[in-house]
């Protein structure tokens, strides 16, 4: 069984990585805070998965020796770790949480959706989620998150112009067991919303809320230029099909227009879900193929429920 070295600080994305990305694959999870030479045994060299968090530089020498089959790079939202590109030399497959125009990515490096907070889906598989029909949803739009000035403006615009809005500002210290609104409650609210407002994160528009909205069957709405969308939300040969414009005033008008056209609204929702489904199935196949091609690793085959054609 292959070892999966998982950094103990990456609890937020744990469920997404374990139950969606690596669905149906058997491995031995080793939680760690620091990798050292003692972790480099003959059994793990070129036969392990490693997830690193935030500070990549201290791991360069260790990873060079471990040569993991799959290396997952979490964080780097600010784009100030260009040396992370060099890690591709030590691994067969690189999965990274962010995309930056200033980096030149190698062919074995793929942009990974941030996913959703652990317990958001109660350890269920996102592709198995059943959406509430749009016509039966309680809220036209919702937002749950930390209060920032740009988000206050967003909230005011939608609260004043749109009926049935549910906007709640709450603190977030990134401790899952201390959140004012639990991830599972957040899922329930997003699942009952047609649109989810995506206020800008601390560094870019790419944030967990985009993918949480998609998984809940809602349409993510964000204020950003096309250029920023093309960079931050670029995955392979496509971008995340969020509803976007350069002002919240324009966005509320576009949302209201869609609400007046149920057929167009459904088409937009289906396009968003199709993107997620295809991206997850592609990544699952990529992961499985990488492990299959290594004769030293043994893993389970994807279950029948995930054998969906692209």
C-alpha atoms as a PDB file:
ATOM      1  CA  UNK A   1       0.000   0.000   0.000  1.00  0.00           C
ATOM      2  CA  UNK A   2       1.378   3.400  -0.978  1.00  0.00           C
ATOM      3  CA  UNK A   3       2.156   5.976   1.738  1.00  0.00           C
ATOM      4  CA  UNK A   4       0.482   9.401   1.608  1.00  0.00           C
ATOM      5  CA  UNK A   5       2.441  12.028   3.578  1.00  0.00           C
ATOM      6  CA  UNK A   6      -0.164  14.653   4.456  1.00  0.00           C
ATOM      7  CA  UNK A   7       0.751  17.931   6.160  1.00  0.00           C
ATOM      8  CA  UNK A   8      -1.230  18.287   9.382  1.00  0.00           C
ATOM      9  CA  UNK A   9      -2.092  21.966   8.749  1.00  0.00           C
ATOM     10  CA  UNK A  10      -4.045  21.222   5.560  1.00  0.00           C
ATOM     11  CA  UNK A  11      -7.243  20.230   7.336  1.00  0.00           C
ATOM     12  CA  UNK A  12      -9.506  22.555   5.333  1.00  0.00           C
ATOM     13  CA  UNK A  13      -9.154  20.662   2.030  1.00  0.00           C
ATOM     14  CA  UNK A  14      -8.740  17.196   3.537  1.00  0.00           C
ATOM     15  CA  UNK A  15     -12.179  15.829   2.585  1.00  0.00           C
ATOM     16  CA  UNK A  16     -11.960  17.090  -0.990  1.00  0.00           C
ATOM     17  CA  UNK A  17      -8.558  15.503  -1.523  1.00  0.00           C
ATOM     18  CA  UNK A  18      -9.365  12.215   0.172  1.00  0.00           C
ATOM     19  CA  UNK A  19     -12.954  11.614  -0.948  1.00  0.00           C
ATOM     20  CA  UNK A  20     -13.059  13.298  -4.359  1.00  0.00           C
ATOM     21  CA  UNK A  21      -9.570  13.598  -5.802  1.00  0.00           C
ATOM     22  CA  UNK A  22      -8.339  10.210  -4.527  1.00  0.00           C
ATOM     23  CA  UNK A  23     -11.704   8.495  -4.540  1.00  0.00           C
ATOM     24  CA  UNK A  24     -11.428   4.709  -4.663  1.00  0.00           C
ATOM     25  CA  UNK A  25      -7.675   4.628  -4.056  1.00  0.00           C
ATOM     26  CA  UNK A  26      -6.176   2.829  -1.087  1.00  0.00           C
ATOM     27  CA  UNK A  27      -3.203   4.336   0.759  1.00  0.00           C
ATOM     28  CA  UNK A  28      -1.651   4.743   4.172  1.00  0.00           C
ATOM     29  CA  UNK A  29      -2.044   8.317   5.443  1.00  0.00           C
ATOM     30  CA  UNK A  30       0.914   9.630   7.436  1.00  0.00           C
ATOM     31  CA  UNK A  31       0.203  12.976   9.102  1.00  0.00           C
ATOM     32  CA  UNK A  32       3.318  15.089   9.532  1.00  0.00           C
ATOM     33  CA  UNK A  33       4.454  18.560  10.565  1.00  0.00           C
ATOM     34  CA  UNK A  34       8.009  18.250   9.244  1.00  0.00           C
ATOM     35  CA  UNK A  35       9.597  15.885   6.760  1.00  0.00           C
ATOM     36  CA  UNK A  36      13.057  14.655   7.573  1.00  0.00           C
ATOM     37  CA  UNK A  37      15.644  12.218   6.260  1.00  0.00           C
ATOM     38  CA  UNK A  38      14.210   9.559   8.589  1.00  0.00           C
ATOM     39  CA  UNK A  39      11.078   9.514   6.410  1.00  0.00           C
ATOM     40  CA  UNK A  40      13.116   8.472   3.389  1.00  0.00           C
ATOM     41  CA  UNK A  41      13.044   4.706   3.444  1.00  0.00           C
ATOM     42  CA  UNK A  42      13.513   2.364   0.457  1.00  0.00           C
ATOM     43  CA  UNK A  43       9.778   1.667   0.477  1.00  0.00           C
ATOM     44  CA  UNK A  44       8.780   5.300  -0.131  1.00  0.00           C
ATOM     45  CA  UNK A  45      11.347   6.356  -2.732  1.00  0.00           C
ATOM     46  CA  UNK A  46       9.441   6.835  -6.012  1.00  0.00           C
ATOM     47  CA  UNK A  47       6.495   5.183  -4.297  1.00  0.00           C
ATOM     48  CA  UNK A  48       4.653   7.779  -2.230  1.00  0.00           C
ATOM     49  CA  UNK A  49       2.301  10.767  -2.366  1.00  0.00           C
ATOM     50  CA  UNK A  50       3.284  13.986  -0.581  1.00  0.00           C
ATOM     51  CA  UNK A  51       1.170  17.028   0.227  1.00  0.00           C
ATOM     52  CA  UNK A  52       3.096  20.101   1.370  1.00  0.00           C
ATOM     53  CA  UNK A  53       1.734  23.286   2.870  1.00  0.00           C
ATOM     54  CA  UNK A  54       2.678  26.908   2.202  1.00  0.00           C
ATOM     55  CA  UNK A  55       6.456  26.833   2.711  1.00  0.00           C
ATOM     56  CA  UNK A  56       7.857  24.620  -0.049  1.00  0.00           C
ATOM     57  CA  UNK A  57      11.519  25.602   0.112  1.00  0.00           C
ATOM     58  CA  UNK A  58      12.448  23.595   3.242  1.00  0.00           C
ATOM     59  CA  UNK A  59      11.256  20.412   1.510  1.00  0.00           C
ATOM     60  CA  UNK A  60      13.265  20.698  -1.698  1.00  0.00           C
ATOM     61  CA  UNK A  61      16.147  18.481  -0.592  1.00  0.00           C
ATOM     62  CA  UNK A  62      13.870  15.884   1.012  1.00  0.00           C
ATOM     63  CA  UNK A  63      11.563  15.737  -2.008  1.00  0.00           C
ATOM     64  CA  UNK A  64      14.533  15.397  -4.309  1.00  0.00           C
ATOM     65  CA  UNK A  65      15.403  12.209  -2.461  1.00  0.00           C
ATOM     66  CA  UNK A  66      11.852  10.892  -1.979  1.00  0.00           C
ATOM     67  CA  UNK A  67      10.842  11.466  -5.618  1.00  0.00           C
ATOM     68  CA  UNK A  68       7.100  11.178  -4.870  1.00  0.00           C
ATOM     69  CA  UNK A  69       4.822   9.886  -7.588  1.00  0.00           C
ATOM     70  CA  UNK A  70       2.358  12.666  -6.832  1.00  0.00           C
ATOM     71  CA  UNK A  71       3.187  15.979  -5.160  1.00  0.00           C
ATOM     72  CA  UNK A  72       0.381  18.305  -4.046  1.00  0.00           C
ATOM     73  CA  UNK A  73       1.292  21.943  -3.421  1.00  0.00           C
ATOM     74  CA  UNK A  74      -1.125  23.771  -1.141  1.00  0.00           C
ATOM     75  CA  UNK A  75      -1.302  27.544  -0.758  1.00  0.00           C
ATOM     76  CA  UNK A  76       0.979  29.910  -2.761  1.00  0.00           C
ATOM     77  CA  UNK A  77      -2.000  32.184  -3.428  1.00  0.00           C
ATOM     78  CA  UNK A  78       0.282  35.234  -3.505  1.00  0.00           C
ATOM     79  CA  UNK A  79       2.467  33.865  -6.280  1.00  0.00           C
ATOM     80  CA  UNK A  80       5.728  34.568  -4.442  1.00  0.00           C
ATOM     81  CA  UNK A  81       7.194  31.049  -4.543  1.00  0.00           C
ATOM     82  CA  UNK A  82       8.533  30.681  -8.113  1.00  0.00           C
ATOM     83  CA  UNK A  83      11.019  28.060  -6.933  1.00  0.00           C
ATOM     84  CA  UNK A  84       8.028  25.722  -6.474  1.00  0.00           C
ATOM     85  CA  UNK A  85       8.114  25.140 -10.235  1.00  0.00           C
ATOM     86  CA  UNK A  86      11.455  23.385  -9.753  1.00  0.00           C
ATOM     87  CA  UNK A  87       9.747  20.712  -7.657  1.00  0.00           C
ATOM     88  CA  UNK A  88       8.324  19.245 -10.865  1.00  0.00           C
ATOM     89  CA  UNK A  89      11.750  17.705 -11.462  1.00  0.00           C
ATOM     90  CA  UNK A  90      11.315  15.421  -8.459  1.00  0.00           C
ATOM     91  CA  UNK A  91       7.794  14.104  -9.047  1.00  0.00           C
ATOM     92  CA  UNK A  92       5.836  12.363 -11.781  1.00  0.00           C
ATOM     93  CA  UNK A  93       2.720  14.473 -11.230  1.00  0.00           C
ATOM     94  CA  UNK A  94       2.326  17.921  -9.634  1.00  0.00           C
ATOM     95  CA  UNK A  95      -1.065  19.185  -8.462  1.00  0.00           C
ATOM     96  CA  UNK A  96      -1.113  22.828  -7.346  1.00  0.00           C
ATOM     97  CA  UNK A  97      -3.845  24.962  -5.823  1.00  0.00           C
ATOM     98  CA  UNK A  98      -3.121  28.189  -7.717  1.00  0.00           C
ATOM     99  CA  UNK A  99      -2.214  29.434 -11.172  1.00  0.00           C
ATOM    100  CA  UNK A 100       0.053  32.459 -11.767  1.00  0.00           C
ATOM    101  CA  UNK A 101       0.906  34.125 -15.058  1.00  0.00           C
ATOM    102  CA  UNK A 102       4.443  34.832 -13.820  1.00  0.00           C
ATOM    103  CA  UNK A 103       5.244  31.122 -13.502  1.00  0.00           C
ATOM    104  CA  UNK A 104       6.270  28.867 -16.382  1.00  0.00           C
ATOM    105  CA  UNK A 105       4.640  25.557 -15.515  1.00  0.00           C
ATOM    106  CA  UNK A 106       6.038  22.230 -16.752  1.00  0.00           C
ATOM    107  CA  UNK A 107       3.874  19.700 -18.556  1.00  0.00           C
ATOM    108  CA  UNK A 108       3.451  17.501 -15.470  1.00  0.00           C
ATOM    109  CA  UNK A 109       1.928  20.344 -13.403  1.00  0.00           C
ATOM    110  CA  UNK A 110      -1.859  20.739 -13.188  1.00  0.00           C
ATOM    111  CA  UNK A 111      -4.061  23.341 -11.515  1.00  0.00           C
ATOM    112  CA  UNK A 112      -6.161  21.765  -8.757  1.00  0.00           C
ATOM    113  CA  UNK A 113      -9.515  23.271  -7.675  1.00  0.00           C
ATOM    114  CA  UNK A 114      -9.358  24.412  -4.058  1.00  0.00           C
ATOM    115  CA  UNK A 115     -12.373  22.223  -3.344  1.00  0.00           C
ATOM    116  CA  UNK A 116     -14.470  22.667  -0.228  1.00  0.00           C
ATOM    117  CA  UNK A 117     -14.090  22.774   3.540  1.00  0.00           C
ATOM    118  CA  UNK A 118     -13.886  19.440   5.317  1.00  0.00           C
ATOM    119  CA  UNK A 119     -17.305  18.214   6.499  1.00  0.00           C
ATOM    120  CA  UNK A 120     -18.966  20.442   3.855  1.00  0.00           C
ATOM    121  CA  UNK A 121     -20.365  17.293   2.217  1.00  0.00           C
ATOM    122  CA  UNK A 122     -20.149  15.084   5.313  1.00  0.00           C
ATOM    123  CA  UNK A 123     -17.541  12.901   3.570  1.00  0.00           C
ATOM    124  CA  UNK A 124     -19.743  12.291   0.563  1.00  0.00           C
ATOM    125  CA  UNK A 125     -18.497  12.440  -3.029  1.00  0.00           C
ATOM    126  CA  UNK A 126     -19.296  15.699  -4.788  1.00  0.00           C
ATOM    127  CA  UNK A 127     -20.228  13.975  -8.053  1.00  0.00           C
ATOM    128  CA  UNK A 128     -22.946  12.071  -6.205  1.00  0.00           C
ATOM    129  CA  UNK A 129     -24.628  15.177  -4.797  1.00  0.00           C
ATOM    130  CA  UNK A 130     -28.235  15.764  -5.864  1.00  0.00           C
ATOM    131  CA  UNK A 131     -29.101  19.448  -6.395  1.00  0.00           C
ATOM    132  CA  UNK A 132     -32.376  21.046  -5.379  1.00  0.00           C
ATOM    133  CA  UNK A 133     -34.262  22.226  -8.498  1.00  0.00           C
ATOM    134  CA  UNK A 134     -33.640  25.941  -9.032  1.00  0.00           C
ATOM    135  CA  UNK A 135     -37.360  26.705  -8.910  1.00  0.00           C
ATOM    136  CA  UNK A 136     -37.599  25.235  -5.407  1.00  0.00           C
ATOM    137  CA  UNK A 137     -34.668  27.054  -3.823  1.00  0.00           C
ATOM    138  CA  UNK A 138     -35.327  29.333  -0.878  1.00  0.00           C
ATOM    139  CA  UNK A 139     -32.793  32.052  -1.642  1.00  0.00           C
ATOM    140  CA  UNK A 140     -32.059  33.955  -4.827  1.00  0.00           C
ATOM    141  CA  UNK A 141     -28.537  34.628  -3.576  1.00  0.00           C
ATOM    142  CA  UNK A 142     -26.435  34.042  -0.492  1.00  0.00           C
ATOM    143  CA  UNK A 143     -23.050  34.826   0.984  1.00  0.00           C
ATOM    144  CA  UNK A 144     -21.347  33.606   4.148  1.00  0.00           C
ATOM    145  CA  UNK A 145     -17.909  34.933   4.996  1.00  0.00           C
ATOM    146  CA  UNK A 146     -15.644  37.485   6.621  1.00  0.00           C
ATOM    147  CA  UNK A 147     -16.635  41.135   6.347  1.00  0.00           C
ATOM    148  CA  UNK A 148     -14.423  43.323   4.132  1.00  0.00           C
ATOM    149  CA  UNK A 149     -15.164  46.702   2.612  1.00  0.00           C
ATOM    150  CA  UNK A 150     -15.560  45.389  -0.935  1.00  0.00           C
ATOM    151  CA  UNK A 151     -17.864  42.678   0.354  1.00  0.00           C
ATOM    152  CA  UNK A 152     -19.987  45.215   2.227  1.00  0.00           C
ATOM    153  CA  UNK A 153     -20.526  47.046  -1.051  1.00  0.00           C
ATOM    154  CA  UNK A 154     -21.406  43.746  -2.741  1.00  0.00           C
ATOM    155  CA  UNK A 155     -23.878  42.882   0.011  1.00  0.00           C
ATOM    156  CA  UNK A 156     -25.540  46.298  -0.065  1.00  0.00           C
ATOM    157  CA  UNK A 157     -26.059  46.193  -3.822  1.00  0.00           C
ATOM    158  CA  UNK A 158     -27.712  42.765  -3.793  1.00  0.00           C
ATOM    159  CA  UNK A 159     -29.716  43.306  -0.611  1.00  0.00           C
ATOM    160  CA  UNK A 160     -31.208  46.504  -2.036  1.00  0.00           C
ATOM    161  CA  UNK A 161     -31.916  45.222  -5.537  1.00  0.00           C
ATOM    162  CA  UNK A 162     -32.799  41.555  -5.116  1.00  0.00           C
ATOM    163  CA  UNK A 163     -35.480  39.803  -3.106  1.00  0.00           C
ATOM    164  CA  UNK A 164     -34.795  36.694  -1.025  1.00  0.00           C
ATOM    165  CA  UNK A 165     -31.136  37.297  -0.210  1.00  0.00           C
ATOM    166  CA  UNK A 166     -29.291  35.622   2.654  1.00  0.00           C
ATOM    167  CA  UNK A 167     -26.029  37.423   3.448  1.00  0.00           C
ATOM    168  CA  UNK A 168     -24.197  36.782   6.692  1.00  0.00           C
ATOM    169  CA  UNK A 169     -20.825  38.151   7.751  1.00  0.00           C
ATOM    170  CA  UNK A 170     -19.019  35.871  10.189  1.00  0.00           C
ATOM    171  CA  UNK A 171     -15.437  35.656  11.521  1.00  0.00           C
ATOM    172  CA  UNK A 172     -13.141  32.903  10.291  1.00  0.00           C
ATOM    173  CA  UNK A 173      -9.909  31.862  11.990  1.00  0.00           C
ATOM    174  CA  UNK A 174      -9.661  28.744   9.774  1.00  0.00           C
ATOM    175  CA  UNK A 175     -10.329  26.410  12.698  1.00  0.00           C
ATOM    176  CA  UNK A 176     -13.037  24.060  11.495  1.00  0.00           C
ATOM    177  CA  UNK A 177     -14.337  23.165  14.949  1.00  0.00           C
ATOM    178  CA  UNK A 178     -14.783  26.831  15.941  1.00  0.00           C
ATOM    179  CA  UNK A 179     -16.645  28.245  12.940  1.00  0.00           C
ATOM    180  CA  UNK A 180     -19.803  30.244  13.630  1.00  0.00           C
ATOM    181  CA  UNK A 181     -21.433  28.549  10.654  1.00  0.00           C
ATOM    182  CA  UNK A 182     -20.329  24.939  10.180  1.00  0.00           C
ATOM    183  CA  UNK A 183     -19.297  23.765   6.700  1.00  0.00           C
ATOM    184  CA  UNK A 184     -22.288  21.399   6.558  1.00  0.00           C
ATOM    185  CA  UNK A 185     -24.672  24.266   7.415  1.00  0.00           C
ATOM    186  CA  UNK A 186     -22.966  26.399   4.783  1.00  0.00           C
ATOM    187  CA  UNK A 187     -23.590  23.642   2.241  1.00  0.00           C
ATOM    188  CA  UNK A 188     -27.270  23.535   3.192  1.00  0.00           C
ATOM    189  CA  UNK A 189     -27.605  27.290   2.611  1.00  0.00           C
ATOM    190  CA  UNK A 190     -25.692  27.293  -0.676  1.00  0.00           C
ATOM    191  CA  UNK A 191     -27.646  24.266  -1.881  1.00  0.00           C
ATOM    192  CA  UNK A 192     -30.835  26.262  -1.277  1.00  0.00           C
ATOM    193  CA  UNK A 193     -29.500  29.315  -3.176  1.00  0.00           C
ATOM    194  CA  UNK A 194     -29.574  30.050  -6.898  1.00  0.00           C
ATOM    195  CA  UNK A 195     -26.549  32.367  -6.823  1.00  0.00           C
ATOM    196  CA  UNK A 196     -23.639  32.481  -4.381  1.00  0.00           C
ATOM    197  CA  UNK A 197     -21.772  35.786  -4.227  1.00  0.00           C
ATOM    198  CA  UNK A 198     -18.007  35.419  -4.375  1.00  0.00           C
ATOM    199  CA  UNK A 199     -16.414  38.358  -2.634  1.00  0.00           C
ATOM    200  CA  UNK A 200     -12.752  38.738  -3.445  1.00  0.00           C
ATOM    201  CA  UNK A 201     -10.386  36.724  -1.253  1.00  0.00           C
ATOM    202  CA  UNK A 202      -7.354  38.205   0.473  1.00  0.00           C
ATOM    203  CA  UNK A 203      -5.107  37.838  -2.559  1.00  0.00           C
ATOM    204  CA  UNK A 204      -7.240  37.017  -5.615  1.00  0.00           C
ATOM    205  CA  UNK A 205     -10.682  35.938  -6.760  1.00  0.00           C
ATOM    206  CA  UNK A 206      -9.750  32.260  -6.440  1.00  0.00           C
ATOM    207  CA  UNK A 207     -11.236  30.995  -3.176  1.00  0.00           C
ATOM    208  CA  UNK A 208     -12.950  27.936  -1.719  1.00  0.00           C
ATOM    209  CA  UNK A 209     -16.376  29.592  -1.970  1.00  0.00           C
ATOM    210  CA  UNK A 210     -16.359  29.308  -5.784  1.00  0.00           C
ATOM    211  CA  UNK A 211     -16.096  25.529  -5.690  1.00  0.00           C
ATOM    212  CA  UNK A 212     -18.362  25.163  -2.668  1.00  0.00           C
ATOM    213  CA  UNK A 213     -21.050  27.016  -4.625  1.00  0.00           C
ATOM    214  CA  UNK A 214     -20.559  24.735  -7.636  1.00  0.00           C
ATOM    215  CA  UNK A 215     -20.688  21.559  -5.538  1.00  0.00           C
ATOM    216  CA  UNK A 216     -23.924  22.838  -3.983  1.00  0.00           C
ATOM    217  CA  UNK A 217     -25.431  23.297  -7.454  1.00  0.00           C
ATOM    218  CA  UNK A 218     -25.414  27.099  -7.247  1.00  0.00           C
ATOM    219  CA  UNK A 219     -24.011  29.641  -9.719  1.00  0.00           C
ATOM    220  CA  UNK A 220     -20.930  31.520  -8.446  1.00  0.00           C
ATOM    221  CA  UNK A 221     -21.016  35.283  -9.065  1.00  0.00           C
ATOM    222  CA  UNK A 222     -17.823  37.344  -8.863  1.00  0.00           C
ATOM    223  CA  UNK A 223     -16.652  40.852  -9.696  1.00  0.00           C
ATOM    224  CA  UNK A 224     -13.485  40.591 -11.797  1.00  0.00           C
ATOM    225  CA  UNK A 225     -12.068  41.447 -15.187  1.00  0.00           C
ATOM    226  CA  UNK A 226     -11.838  38.870 -17.950  1.00  0.00           C
ATOM    227  CA  UNK A 227      -8.049  39.048 -17.722  1.00  0.00           C
ATOM    228  CA  UNK A 228      -8.094  38.093 -14.049  1.00  0.00           C
ATOM    229  CA  UNK A 229     -10.576  35.287 -14.688  1.00  0.00           C
ATOM    230  CA  UNK A 230      -8.347  33.958 -17.473  1.00  0.00           C
ATOM    231  CA  UNK A 231      -5.382  33.768 -15.095  1.00  0.00           C
ATOM    232  CA  UNK A 232      -6.675  32.881 -11.639  1.00  0.00           C
ATOM    233  CA  UNK A 233      -9.414  30.495 -12.758  1.00  0.00           C
ATOM    234  CA  UNK A 234      -7.532  28.839 -15.626  1.00  0.00           C
ATOM    235  CA  UNK A 235      -7.650  25.030 -15.669  1.00  0.00           C
ATOM    236  CA  UNK A 236      -6.078  23.256 -18.617  1.00  0.00           C
ATOM    237  CA  UNK A 237      -7.828  24.707 -21.703  1.00  0.00           C
ATOM    238  CA  UNK A 238     -10.802  26.265 -19.915  1.00  0.00           C
ATOM    239  CA  UNK A 239     -11.730  28.637 -17.116  1.00  0.00           C
ATOM    240  CA  UNK A 240     -14.301  28.166 -14.365  1.00  0.00           C
ATOM    241  CA  UNK A 241     -17.619  29.354 -15.877  1.00  0.00           C
ATOM    242  CA  UNK A 242     -18.492  31.823 -13.143  1.00  0.00           C
ATOM    243  CA  UNK A 243     -20.925  34.666 -13.774  1.00  0.00           C
ATOM    244  CA  UNK A 244     -18.668  37.721 -13.752  1.00  0.00           C
ATOM    245  CA  UNK A 245     -18.501  41.392 -14.689  1.00  0.00           C
ATOM    246  CA  UNK A 246     -16.472  44.439 -13.712  1.00  0.00           C
ATOM    247  CA  UNK A 247     -18.953  45.848 -11.159  1.00  0.00           C
ATOM    248  CA  UNK A 248     -21.474  44.500  -8.682  1.00  0.00           C
ATOM    249  CA  UNK A 249     -24.053  46.896 -10.118  1.00  0.00           C
ATOM    250  CA  UNK A 250     -23.780  45.168 -13.493  1.00  0.00           C
ATOM    251  CA  UNK A 251     -23.798  41.755 -11.867  1.00  0.00           C
ATOM    252  CA  UNK A 252     -27.030  42.272  -9.970  1.00  0.00           C
ATOM    253  CA  UNK A 253     -28.674  43.310 -13.244  1.00  0.00           C
ATOM    254  CA  UNK A 254     -27.407  40.161 -14.960  1.00  0.00           C
ATOM    255  CA  UNK A 255     -28.595  37.963 -12.099  1.00  0.00           C
ATOM    256  CA  UNK A 256     -32.060  39.547 -12.217  1.00  0.00           C
ATOM    257  CA  UNK A 257     -32.205  38.977 -15.966  1.00  0.00           C
ATOM    258  CA  UNK A 258     -31.384  35.302 -15.481  1.00  0.00           C
ATOM    259  CA  UNK A 259     -34.031  34.979 -12.771  1.00  0.00           C
ATOM    260  CA  UNK A 260     -36.538  36.256 -15.336  1.00  0.00           C
ATOM    261  CA  UNK A 261     -35.431  33.574 -17.807  1.00  0.00           C
ATOM    262  CA  UNK A 262     -35.600  30.123 -16.146  1.00  0.00           C
ATOM    263  CA  UNK A 263     -34.381  28.316 -19.270  1.00  0.00           C
ATOM    264  CA  UNK A 264     -31.222  30.449 -19.544  1.00  0.00           C
ATOM    265  CA  UNK A 265     -30.683  30.108 -15.802  1.00  0.00           C
ATOM    266  CA  UNK A 266     -30.812  26.315 -16.045  1.00  0.00           C
ATOM    267  CA  UNK A 267     -28.384  26.324 -18.984  1.00  0.00           C
ATOM    268  CA  UNK A 268     -25.912  28.386 -16.955  1.00  0.00           C
ATOM    269  CA  UNK A 269     -26.214  26.079 -13.947  1.00  0.00           C
ATOM    270  CA  UNK A 270     -25.701  22.997 -16.115  1.00  0.00           C
ATOM    271  CA  UNK A 271     -22.623  24.533 -17.742  1.00  0.00           C
ATOM    272  CA  UNK A 272     -21.078  25.217 -14.333  1.00  0.00           C
ATOM    273  CA  UNK A 273     -21.767  21.672 -13.105  1.00  0.00           C
ATOM    274  CA  UNK A 274     -20.486  20.140 -16.355  1.00  0.00           C
ATOM    275  CA  UNK A 275     -17.188  21.968 -15.883  1.00  0.00           C
ATOM    276  CA  UNK A 276     -16.794  20.615 -12.322  1.00  0.00           C
ATOM    277  CA  UNK A 277     -17.726  17.073 -13.297  1.00  0.00           C
ATOM    278  CA  UNK A 278     -15.278  16.969 -16.207  1.00  0.00           C
ATOM    279  CA  UNK A 279     -12.455  18.509 -14.181  1.00  0.00           C
ATOM    280  CA  UNK A 280     -12.844  16.099 -11.273  1.00  0.00           C
ATOM    281  CA  UNK A 281     -13.095  13.060 -13.544  1.00  0.00           C
ATOM    282  CA  UNK A 282     -10.020  14.216 -15.456  1.00  0.00           C
ATOM    283  CA  UNK A 283      -8.002  14.625 -12.249  1.00  0.00           C
ATOM    284  CA  UNK A 284      -9.176  11.287 -10.861  1.00  0.00           C
ATOM    285  CA  UNK A 285      -8.092   9.587 -14.081  1.00  0.00           C
ATOM    286  CA  UNK A 286      -4.760  11.418 -14.028  1.00  0.00           C
ATOM    287  CA  UNK A 287      -4.092  10.335 -10.442  1.00  0.00           C
ATOM    288  CA  UNK A 288      -5.078   6.739 -11.075  1.00  0.00           C
ATOM    289  CA  UNK A 289      -3.000   6.528 -14.246  1.00  0.00           C
ATOM    290  CA  UNK A 290       0.051   7.920 -12.454  1.00  0.00           C
ATOM    291  CA  UNK A 291      -0.267   5.271  -9.756  1.00  0.00           C
ATOM    292  CA  UNK A 292      -1.088   2.470 -12.200  1.00  0.00           C
ATOM    293  CA  UNK A 293       2.044   3.146 -14.200  1.00  0.00           C
ATOM    294  CA  UNK A 294       4.168   2.613 -11.112  1.00  0.00           C
ATOM    295  CA  UNK A 295       4.633  -1.141 -10.614  1.00  0.00           C
ATOM    296  CA  UNK A 296       5.505  -0.650  -6.937  1.00  0.00           C
ATOM    297  CA  UNK A 297       2.186   0.899  -5.925  1.00  0.00           C
ATOM    298  CA  UNK A 298      -1.046  -0.979  -5.325  1.00  0.00           C
ATOM    299  CA  UNK A 299      -4.382   0.775  -5.341  1.00  0.00           C
ATOM    300  CA  UNK A 300      -8.057   0.036  -5.745  1.00  0.00           C
ATOM    301  CA  UNK A 301      -9.933   0.695  -8.988  1.00  0.00           C
ATOM    302  CA  UNK A 302     -12.417   3.555  -9.142  1.00  0.00           C
ATOM    303  CA  UNK A 303     -15.831   2.399  -8.040  1.00  0.00           C
ATOM    304  CA  UNK A 304     -18.585   1.857 -10.621  1.00  0.00           C
ATOM    305  CA  UNK A 305     -20.449   4.934  -9.455  1.00  0.00           C
ATOM    306  CA  UNK A 306     -17.516   7.087 -10.552  1.00  0.00           C
ATOM    307  CA  UNK A 307     -17.067   5.427 -13.956  1.00  0.00           C
ATOM    308  CA  UNK A 308     -18.697   8.278 -15.845  1.00  0.00           C
ATOM    309  CA  UNK A 309     -17.660   9.056 -19.388  1.00  0.00           C
ATOM    310  CA  UNK A 310     -16.334  12.533 -20.144  1.00  0.00           C
END
